[in-house]
Amino acid sequence: MKKSLTFVGLCHKAQIYVKNYSATILTVLGAIGVIGTAISAAKASPKAIDRICDAENEKQEELTKWETFVFAAPAYVPTAFIAGSTIACIFGANIINKRRQAALTSAYMLLDKSYKEYRERLRQMYGTEVDENVRREIMEVDRDEYEIEYHQPNEEKILFYETVSQRYFESTVEEVQRAEYHINRELVMNDEVNINVLFKALGLTPTPEGEVLGWSTYAGYEKYGYSWIDFKHDRIILDDGLECVVIGYPYEPAIDYRDF
């Protein structure tokens, strides 16, 4: 049983590795394919010439261009297959890179917007708890800490606000607990996890920037100082008197979480 679980774990990690480095893998395969196409074509040419010569000897006259193509083509079938696969790898790598570039651009724009808002509010405000005050100004609400205890039975849906995607949603405390546990379980099992895993667990739609923002055990150990994804919950009162719980992160998801 233990060996079976180990094998499943290795397969899962291999799947994640292939997904993370799929563009690089396709690029390498494309480069190999270019060399393979040249070698295959060189080997196929003598065979094609022999087939054409045999056909001309049998026909006792020179072949037409179409007949030459028909007799020579079978020798180049492996070459055509390798060439087609090479082209597919090159186009596939290009498509993946474009999608990731678009996601990174969205993520950088989101972070840049938050940073500019932070700096603008910082210039306007004074006091020792500047960061908390800036958060309050950006949200335009007052807040206090909201304790979410694990195994707290509560089936009543309340309003939540997720700070990275900046979205409101309704859920129960228990469902949020399960989502927070789930993303930490994925981190422990896979050594890395993006924030879209949390979005899905919370019932939110994944975002393009969510694919490139995340946490990893390597980044946590080497740079940021975390080994577990902590969550901060603040209860806020909106302008209309409605209560809302804000889900924040002492260690926010980073773009470079895979670079360690």
C-alpha atoms as a PDB file:
ATOM      1  CA  MET A   1       0.000   0.000   0.000  1.00  0.00           C
ATOM      2  CA  LYS A   2       2.822   2.380   0.917  1.00  0.00           C
ATOM      3  CA  LYS A   3       4.634   1.632  -2.357  1.00  0.00           C
ATOM      4  CA  SER A   4       1.424   2.287  -4.278  1.00  0.00           C
ATOM      5  CA  LEU A   5       0.965   5.680  -2.587  1.00  0.00           C
ATOM      6  CA  THR A   6       4.617   6.545  -3.276  1.00  0.00           C
ATOM      7  CA  PHE A   7       4.190   5.657  -6.944  1.00  0.00           C
ATOM      8  CA  VAL A   8       1.027   7.762  -7.198  1.00  0.00           C
ATOM      9  CA  GLY A   9       2.819  10.671  -5.533  1.00  0.00           C
ATOM     10  CA  LEU A  10       5.746  10.429  -7.941  1.00  0.00           C
ATOM     11  CA  CYS A  11       3.387  10.308 -10.915  1.00  0.00           C
ATOM     12  CA  HIS A  12       1.550  13.370  -9.619  1.00  0.00           C
ATOM     13  CA  LYS A  13       4.792  15.306  -9.157  1.00  0.00           C
ATOM     14  CA  ALA A  14       5.937  14.235 -12.633  1.00  0.00           C
ATOM     15  CA  GLN A  15       2.660  15.539 -14.046  1.00  0.00           C
ATOM     16  CA  ILE A  16       3.184  18.897 -12.330  1.00  0.00           C
ATOM     17  CA  TYR A  17       6.786  19.048 -13.610  1.00  0.00           C
ATOM     18  CA  VAL A  18       5.667  18.396 -17.194  1.00  0.00           C
ATOM     19  CA  LYS A  19       2.952  21.055 -16.878  1.00  0.00           C
ATOM     20  CA  ASN A  20       5.355  23.642 -15.453  1.00  0.00           C
ATOM     21  CA  TYR A  21       8.079  23.030 -18.036  1.00  0.00           C
ATOM     22  CA  SER A  22       5.930  21.999 -21.005  1.00  0.00           C
ATOM     23  CA  ALA A  23       7.115  24.921 -23.158  1.00  0.00           C
ATOM     24  CA  THR A  24      10.779  24.068 -22.517  1.00  0.00           C
ATOM     25  CA  ILE A  25      10.155  20.380 -23.191  1.00  0.00           C
ATOM     26  CA  LEU A  26       8.412  21.167 -26.491  1.00  0.00           C
ATOM     27  CA  THR A  27      11.232  23.531 -27.488  1.00  0.00           C
ATOM     28  CA  VAL A  28      13.842  20.837 -26.833  1.00  0.00           C
ATOM     29  CA  LEU A  29      11.772  18.287 -28.764  1.00  0.00           C
ATOM     30  CA  GLY A  30      11.457  20.792 -31.612  1.00  0.00           C
ATOM     31  CA  ALA A  31      15.233  21.260 -31.729  1.00  0.00           C
ATOM     32  CA  ILE A  32      15.753  17.496 -31.728  1.00  0.00           C
ATOM     33  CA  GLY A  33      13.115  17.218 -34.442  1.00  0.00           C
ATOM     34  CA  VAL A  34      14.978  19.640 -36.715  1.00  0.00           C
ATOM     35  CA  ILE A  35      18.113  17.509 -36.466  1.00  0.00           C
ATOM     36  CA  GLY A  36      16.077  14.323 -36.830  1.00  0.00           C
ATOM     37  CA  THR A  37      14.368  15.664 -39.955  1.00  0.00           C
ATOM     38  CA  ALA A  38      17.710  16.414 -41.596  1.00  0.00           C
ATOM     39  CA  ILE A  39      19.113  12.962 -40.743  1.00  0.00           C
ATOM     40  CA  SER A  40      15.960  11.192 -41.870  1.00  0.00           C
ATOM     41  CA  ALA A  41      15.914  13.125 -45.162  1.00  0.00           C
ATOM     42  CA  ALA A  42      19.566  12.240 -45.791  1.00  0.00           C
ATOM     43  CA  LYS A  43      18.849   8.553 -45.204  1.00  0.00           C
ATOM     44  CA  ALA A  44      15.666   8.616 -47.301  1.00  0.00           C
ATOM     45  CA  SER A  45      17.226  10.223 -50.385  1.00  0.00           C
ATOM     46  CA  PRO A  46      19.228   7.136 -51.538  1.00  0.00           C
ATOM     47  CA  LYS A  47      16.144   4.967 -51.053  1.00  0.00           C
ATOM     48  CA  ALA A  48      14.039   7.394 -53.084  1.00  0.00           C
ATOM     49  CA  ILE A  49      16.638   7.455 -55.874  1.00  0.00           C
ATOM     50  CA  ASP A  50      16.721   3.634 -55.940  1.00  0.00           C
ATOM     51  CA  ARG A  51      12.922   3.484 -56.207  1.00  0.00           C
ATOM     52  CA  ILE A  52      12.922   5.978 -59.080  1.00  0.00           C
ATOM     53  CA  CYS A  53      15.689   4.099 -60.920  1.00  0.00           C
ATOM     54  CA  ASP A  54      13.865   0.783 -60.495  1.00  0.00           C
ATOM     55  CA  ALA A  55      10.646   2.325 -61.815  1.00  0.00           C
ATOM     56  CA  GLU A  56      12.422   3.832 -64.859  1.00  0.00           C
ATOM     57  CA  ASN A  57      14.139   0.528 -65.648  1.00  0.00           C
ATOM     58  CA  GLU A  58      10.835  -1.251 -65.452  1.00  0.00           C
ATOM     59  CA  LYS A  59       9.096   1.358 -67.591  1.00  0.00           C
ATOM     60  CA  GLN A  60      12.053   1.692 -69.999  1.00  0.00           C
ATOM     61  CA  GLU A  61      11.630   5.452 -70.142  1.00  0.00           C
ATOM     62  CA  GLU A  62      11.984   8.551 -67.979  1.00  0.00           C
ATOM     63  CA  LEU A  63       9.275   9.092 -65.386  1.00  0.00           C
ATOM     64  CA  THR A  64       7.027  12.116 -65.400  1.00  0.00           C
ATOM     65  CA  LYS A  65       7.202  14.554 -62.513  1.00  0.00           C
ATOM     66  CA  TRP A  66       4.071  13.086 -60.952  1.00  0.00           C
ATOM     67  CA  GLU A  67       5.347   9.529 -61.293  1.00  0.00           C
ATOM     68  CA  THR A  68       8.657  10.560 -59.762  1.00  0.00           C
ATOM     69  CA  PHE A  69       6.793  12.013 -56.798  1.00  0.00           C
ATOM     70  CA  VAL A  70       4.618   8.914 -56.391  1.00  0.00           C
ATOM     71  CA  PHE A  71       7.589   6.527 -56.365  1.00  0.00           C
ATOM     72  CA  ALA A  72       9.816   8.709 -54.186  1.00  0.00           C
ATOM     73  CA  ALA A  73       7.203   9.740 -51.595  1.00  0.00           C
ATOM     74  CA  PRO A  74       7.067   6.465 -49.573  1.00  0.00           C
ATOM     75  CA  ALA A  75      10.758   6.791 -48.761  1.00  0.00           C
ATOM     76  CA  TYR A  76      10.111  10.189 -47.171  1.00  0.00           C
ATOM     77  CA  VAL A  77       7.125   9.189 -44.998  1.00  0.00           C
ATOM     78  CA  PRO A  78       9.232   8.948 -41.790  1.00  0.00           C
ATOM     79  CA  THR A  79      10.834  12.293 -42.645  1.00  0.00           C
ATOM     80  CA  ALA A  80       7.433  13.913 -43.142  1.00  0.00           C
ATOM     81  CA  PHE A  81       6.218  12.498 -39.827  1.00  0.00           C
ATOM     82  CA  ILE A  82       9.253  13.839 -37.945  1.00  0.00           C
ATOM     83  CA  ALA A  83       8.937  17.219 -39.680  1.00  0.00           C
ATOM     84  CA  GLY A  84       5.236  17.457 -38.841  1.00  0.00           C
ATOM     85  CA  SER A  85       5.877  16.565 -35.204  1.00  0.00           C
ATOM     86  CA  THR A  86       8.658  19.155 -35.065  1.00  0.00           C
ATOM     87  CA  ILE A  87       6.365  21.868 -36.401  1.00  0.00           C
ATOM     88  CA  ALA A  88       3.680  20.884 -33.874  1.00  0.00           C
ATOM     89  CA  CYS A  89       6.200  21.126 -30.999  1.00  0.00           C
ATOM     90  CA  ILE A  90       7.391  24.551 -32.125  1.00  0.00           C
ATOM     91  CA  PHE A  91       3.850  25.929 -32.488  1.00  0.00           C
ATOM     92  CA  GLY A  92       2.809  24.305 -29.184  1.00  0.00           C
ATOM     93  CA  ALA A  93       5.705  25.890 -27.285  1.00  0.00           C
ATOM     94  CA  ASN A  94       4.884  29.259 -28.845  1.00  0.00           C
ATOM     95  CA  ILE A  95       1.216  29.036 -27.817  1.00  0.00           C
ATOM     96  CA  ILE A  96       2.104  28.056 -24.228  1.00  0.00           C
ATOM     97  CA  ASN A  97       4.642  30.881 -23.949  1.00  0.00           C
ATOM     98  CA  LYS A  98       2.111  33.422 -25.241  1.00  0.00           C
ATOM     99  CA  ARG A  99      -0.502  32.281 -22.728  1.00  0.00           C
ATOM    100  CA  ARG A 100       1.985  32.439 -19.863  1.00  0.00           C
ATOM    101  CA  GLN A 101       3.213  35.835 -20.992  1.00  0.00           C
ATOM    102  CA  ALA A 102      -0.355  37.131 -21.018  1.00  0.00           C
ATOM    103  CA  ALA A 103      -0.944  35.718 -17.532  1.00  0.00           C
ATOM    104  CA  LEU A 104       2.298  37.260 -16.236  1.00  0.00           C
ATOM    105  CA  THR A 105       1.360  40.607 -17.760  1.00  0.00           C
ATOM    106  CA  SER A 106      -2.016  40.491 -16.011  1.00  0.00           C
ATOM    107  CA  ALA A 107      -0.363  39.574 -12.732  1.00  0.00           C
ATOM    108  CA  TYR A 108       2.207  42.358 -12.981  1.00  0.00           C
ATOM    109  CA  MET A 109      -0.523  44.874 -13.840  1.00  0.00           C
ATOM    110  CA  LEU A 110      -2.516  43.761 -10.809  1.00  0.00           C
ATOM    111  CA  LEU A 111       0.504  44.053  -8.503  1.00  0.00           C
ATOM    112  CA  ASP A 112       1.525  47.371 -10.022  1.00  0.00           C
ATOM    113  CA  LYS A 113      -1.950  48.780  -9.481  1.00  0.00           C
ATOM    114  CA  SER A 114      -1.938  47.692  -5.826  1.00  0.00           C
ATOM    115  CA  TYR A 115       1.542  49.144  -5.315  1.00  0.00           C
ATOM    116  CA  LYS A 116       0.576  52.521  -6.807  1.00  0.00           C
ATOM    117  CA  GLU A 117      -2.528  52.661  -4.650  1.00  0.00           C
ATOM    118  CA  TYR A 118      -0.425  51.867  -1.594  1.00  0.00           C
ATOM    119  CA  ARG A 119       2.122  54.605  -2.342  1.00  0.00           C
ATOM    120  CA  GLU A 120      -0.579  57.173  -3.063  1.00  0.00           C
ATOM    121  CA  ARG A 121      -2.329  56.512   0.238  1.00  0.00           C
ATOM    122  CA  LEU A 122       1.009  56.457   2.075  1.00  0.00           C
ATOM    123  CA  ARG A 123       1.719  60.039   1.015  1.00  0.00           C
ATOM    124  CA  GLN A 124      -1.610  61.154   2.425  1.00  0.00           C
ATOM    125  CA  MET A 125      -1.550  59.444   5.800  1.00  0.00           C
ATOM    126  CA  TYR A 126       0.406  59.534   9.092  1.00  0.00           C
ATOM    127  CA  GLY A 127       0.792  57.294  12.092  1.00  0.00           C
ATOM    128  CA  THR A 128       2.555  54.124  13.257  1.00  0.00           C
ATOM    129  CA  GLU A 129       0.098  51.624  11.780  1.00  0.00           C
ATOM    130  CA  VAL A 130       0.469  52.960   8.258  1.00  0.00           C
ATOM    131  CA  ASP A 131      -0.037  49.689   6.445  1.00  0.00           C
ATOM    132  CA  GLU A 132      -3.299  48.909   8.218  1.00  0.00           C
ATOM    133  CA  ASN A 133      -4.517  52.458   7.612  1.00  0.00           C
ATOM    134  CA  VAL A 134      -3.688  52.210   3.908  1.00  0.00           C
ATOM    135  CA  ARG A 135      -5.628  48.965   3.677  1.00  0.00           C
ATOM    136  CA  ARG A 136      -8.558  50.661   5.377  1.00  0.00           C
ATOM    137  CA  GLU A 137      -8.430  53.595   2.968  1.00  0.00           C
ATOM    138  CA  ILE A 138      -8.261  51.387  -0.116  1.00  0.00           C
ATOM    139  CA  MET A 139     -11.231  49.338   1.080  1.00  0.00           C
ATOM    140  CA  GLU A 140     -12.958  52.502   2.372  1.00  0.00           C
ATOM    141  CA  VAL A 141     -14.154  50.556   5.392  1.00  0.00           C
ATOM    142  CA  ASP A 142     -13.305  50.006   9.062  1.00  0.00           C
ATOM    143  CA  ARG A 143     -12.178  46.562  10.128  1.00  0.00           C
ATOM    144  CA  ASP A 144     -11.209  44.479  13.131  1.00  0.00           C
ATOM    145  CA  GLU A 145      -9.724  41.018  13.391  1.00  0.00           C
ATOM    146  CA  TYR A 146     -12.152  38.163  12.812  1.00  0.00           C
ATOM    147  CA  GLU A 147     -11.237  34.843  14.384  1.00  0.00           C
ATOM    148  CA  ILE A 148     -12.013  31.734  12.344  1.00  0.00           C
ATOM    149  CA  GLU A 149     -11.545  28.698  14.534  1.00  0.00           C
ATOM    150  CA  TYR A 150     -11.137  25.297  12.956  1.00  0.00           C
ATOM    151  CA  HIS A 151     -13.967  22.840  13.493  1.00  0.00           C
ATOM    152  CA  GLN A 152     -16.240  25.801  14.161  1.00  0.00           C
ATOM    153  CA  PRO A 153     -19.720  24.493  13.184  1.00  0.00           C
ATOM    154  CA  ASN A 154     -21.514  27.210  11.253  1.00  0.00           C
ATOM    155  CA  GLU A 155     -23.730  26.582   8.238  1.00  0.00           C
ATOM    156  CA  GLU A 156     -24.796  30.203   7.889  1.00  0.00           C
ATOM    157  CA  LYS A 157     -23.495  31.893   4.747  1.00  0.00           C
ATOM    158  CA  ILE A 158     -21.756  35.211   5.240  1.00  0.00           C
ATOM    159  CA  LEU A 159     -20.094  37.701   2.913  1.00  0.00           C
ATOM    160  CA  PHE A 160     -16.352  37.309   2.239  1.00  0.00           C
ATOM    161  CA  TYR A 161     -13.858  39.397   0.266  1.00  0.00           C
ATOM    162  CA  GLU A 162     -10.707  37.848  -1.270  1.00  0.00           C
ATOM    163  CA  THR A 163      -7.953  40.467  -1.513  1.00  0.00           C
ATOM    164  CA  VAL A 164      -5.820  39.133  -4.400  1.00  0.00           C
ATOM    165  CA  SER A 165      -8.622  38.749  -6.939  1.00  0.00           C
ATOM    166  CA  GLN A 166     -10.596  41.559  -5.251  1.00  0.00           C
ATOM    167  CA  ARG A 167     -13.882  39.635  -5.335  1.00  0.00           C
ATOM    168  CA  TYR A 168     -16.823  39.322  -2.974  1.00  0.00           C
ATOM    169  CA  PHE A 169     -18.529  35.964  -2.462  1.00  0.00           C
ATOM    170  CA  GLU A 170     -20.866  34.251  -0.035  1.00  0.00           C
ATOM    171  CA  SER A 171     -19.805  31.125   1.824  1.00  0.00           C
ATOM    172  CA  THR A 172     -19.905  29.451   5.202  1.00  0.00           C
ATOM    173  CA  VAL A 173     -17.050  29.531   7.698  1.00  0.00           C
ATOM    174  CA  GLU A 174     -16.715  25.759   7.369  1.00  0.00           C
ATOM    175  CA  GLU A 175     -16.370  25.934   3.567  1.00  0.00           C
ATOM    176  CA  VAL A 176     -13.658  28.596   3.861  1.00  0.00           C
ATOM    177  CA  GLN A 177     -11.870  26.445   6.439  1.00  0.00           C
ATOM    178  CA  ARG A 178     -11.916  23.486   4.049  1.00  0.00           C
ATOM    179  CA  ALA A 179     -10.602  25.629   1.185  1.00  0.00           C
ATOM    180  CA  GLU A 180      -7.731  26.973   3.307  1.00  0.00           C
ATOM    181  CA  TYR A 181      -6.860  23.464   4.478  1.00  0.00           C
ATOM    182  CA  HIS A 182      -7.072  22.141   0.910  1.00  0.00           C
ATOM    183  CA  ILE A 183      -4.549  24.605  -0.556  1.00  0.00           C
ATOM    184  CA  ASN A 184      -2.120  23.883   2.286  1.00  0.00           C
ATOM    185  CA  ARG A 185      -2.516  20.157   1.681  1.00  0.00           C
ATOM    186  CA  GLU A 186      -1.697  20.718  -1.994  1.00  0.00           C
ATOM    187  CA  LEU A 187       1.385  22.729  -0.976  1.00  0.00           C
ATOM    188  CA  VAL A 188       2.627  19.935   1.281  1.00  0.00           C
ATOM    189  CA  MET A 189       1.977  17.210  -1.301  1.00  0.00           C
ATOM    190  CA  ASN A 190       3.346  19.018  -4.363  1.00  0.00           C
ATOM    191  CA  ASP A 191       5.863  21.493  -2.865  1.00  0.00           C
ATOM    192  CA  GLU A 192       4.123  24.289  -4.781  1.00  0.00           C
ATOM    193  CA  VAL A 193       0.626  25.562  -5.465  1.00  0.00           C
ATOM    194  CA  ASN A 194      -0.914  28.496  -7.313  1.00  0.00           C
ATOM    195  CA  ILE A 195      -3.723  30.607  -5.927  1.00  0.00           C
ATOM    196  CA  ASN A 196      -6.220  29.312  -8.490  1.00  0.00           C
ATOM    197  CA  VAL A 197      -6.378  26.153  -6.362  1.00  0.00           C
ATOM    198  CA  LEU A 198      -7.786  28.287  -3.553  1.00  0.00           C
ATOM    199  CA  PHE A 199     -10.173  30.095  -5.907  1.00  0.00           C
ATOM    200  CA  LYS A 200     -11.607  26.782  -7.109  1.00  0.00           C
ATOM    201  CA  ALA A 201     -11.968  25.506  -3.537  1.00  0.00           C
ATOM    202  CA  LEU A 202     -13.835  28.698  -2.610  1.00  0.00           C
ATOM    203  CA  GLY A 203     -16.147  28.301  -5.598  1.00  0.00           C
ATOM    204  CA  LEU A 204     -14.584  31.247  -7.461  1.00  0.00           C
ATOM    205  CA  THR A 205     -13.642  31.266 -11.128  1.00  0.00           C
ATOM    206  CA  PRO A 206      -9.878  30.821 -11.721  1.00  0.00           C
ATOM    207  CA  THR A 207      -8.082  33.848 -13.182  1.00  0.00           C
ATOM    208  CA  PRO A 208      -5.170  34.138 -15.660  1.00  0.00           C
ATOM    209  CA  GLU A 209      -2.961  35.790 -13.039  1.00  0.00           C
ATOM    210  CA  GLY A 210      -3.918  33.045 -10.607  1.00  0.00           C
ATOM    211  CA  GLU A 211      -1.911  30.602 -12.720  1.00  0.00           C
ATOM    212  CA  VAL A 212       1.350  32.468 -12.062  1.00  0.00           C
ATOM    213  CA  LEU A 213       0.808  33.679  -8.475  1.00  0.00           C
ATOM    214  CA  GLY A 214       1.431  31.147  -5.759  1.00  0.00           C
ATOM    215  CA  TRP A 215       3.500  29.673  -2.951  1.00  0.00           C
ATOM    216  CA  SER A 216       6.187  26.987  -2.784  1.00  0.00           C
ATOM    217  CA  THR A 217       8.106  25.295   0.002  1.00  0.00           C
ATOM    218  CA  TYR A 218      11.341  26.358  -1.735  1.00  0.00           C
ATOM    219  CA  ALA A 219      10.414  30.049  -1.914  1.00  0.00           C
ATOM    220  CA  GLY A 220       9.061  29.957   1.619  1.00  0.00           C
ATOM    221  CA  TYR A 221      12.271  28.463   2.976  1.00  0.00           C
ATOM    222  CA  GLU A 222      14.785  30.380   0.841  1.00  0.00           C
ATOM    223  CA  LYS A 223      13.248  33.865   0.710  1.00  0.00           C
ATOM    224  CA  TYR A 224       9.938  34.539   2.385  1.00  0.00           C
ATOM    225  CA  GLY A 225      10.179  32.573   5.632  1.00  0.00           C
ATOM    226  CA  TYR A 226       6.976  30.527   5.566  1.00  0.00           C
ATOM    227  CA  SER A 227       6.335  26.785   5.596  1.00  0.00           C
ATOM    228  CA  TRP A 228       2.552  26.993   5.677  1.00  0.00           C
ATOM    229  CA  ILE A 229       0.090  29.358   3.991  1.00  0.00           C
ATOM    230  CA  ASP A 230      -1.361  31.489   6.760  1.00  0.00           C
ATOM    231  CA  PHE A 231      -4.564  33.458   6.350  1.00  0.00           C
ATOM    232  CA  LYS A 232      -5.691  36.665   7.990  1.00  0.00           C
ATOM    233  CA  HIS A 233      -9.386  37.351   8.524  1.00  0.00           C
ATOM    234  CA  ASP A 234     -10.643  40.877   9.195  1.00  0.00           C
ATOM    235  CA  ARG A 235     -14.258  41.733   9.888  1.00  0.00           C
ATOM    236  CA  ILE A 236     -15.252  44.952   8.158  1.00  0.00           C
ATOM    237  CA  ILE A 237     -18.373  47.084   8.083  1.00  0.00           C
ATOM    238  CA  LEU A 238     -19.341  48.393   4.668  1.00  0.00           C
ATOM    239  CA  ASP A 239     -20.863  51.813   4.136  1.00  0.00           C
ATOM    240  CA  ASP A 240     -24.360  50.330   4.060  1.00  0.00           C
ATOM    241  CA  GLY A 241     -23.817  48.572   7.396  1.00  0.00           C
ATOM    242  CA  LEU A 242     -23.303  45.112   5.892  1.00  0.00           C
ATOM    243  CA  GLU A 243     -20.635  42.974   7.570  1.00  0.00           C
ATOM    244  CA  CYS A 244     -17.923  41.317   5.485  1.00  0.00           C
ATOM    245  CA  VAL A 245     -14.912  39.127   6.312  1.00  0.00           C
ATOM    246  CA  VAL A 246     -11.761  39.995   4.363  1.00  0.00           C
ATOM    247  CA  ILE A 247      -9.412  37.096   3.555  1.00  0.00           C
ATOM    248  CA  GLY A 248      -5.814  38.314   3.486  1.00  0.00           C
ATOM    249  CA  TYR A 249      -2.369  36.733   3.533  1.00  0.00           C
ATOM    250  CA  PRO A 250       0.579  37.501   5.846  1.00  0.00           C
ATOM    251  CA  TYR A 251       2.700  36.026   3.017  1.00  0.00           C
ATOM    252  CA  GLU A 252       0.993  36.979  -0.221  1.00  0.00           C
ATOM    253  CA  PRO A 253       1.341  34.784  -3.335  1.00  0.00           C
ATOM    254  CA  ALA A 254       4.401  35.662  -5.400  1.00  0.00           C
ATOM    255  CA  ILE A 255       5.198  35.531  -9.099  1.00  0.00           C
ATOM    256  CA  ASP A 256       8.653  34.066  -8.473  1.00  0.00           C
ATOM    257  CA  TYR A 257       7.481  31.177  -6.270  1.00  0.00           C
ATOM    258  CA  ARG A 258       8.800  28.614  -8.802  1.00  0.00           C
ATOM    259  CA  ASP A 259      12.240  30.198  -9.154  1.00  0.00           C
ATOM    260  CA  PHE A 260      13.860  28.453  -6.200  1.00  0.00           C
END
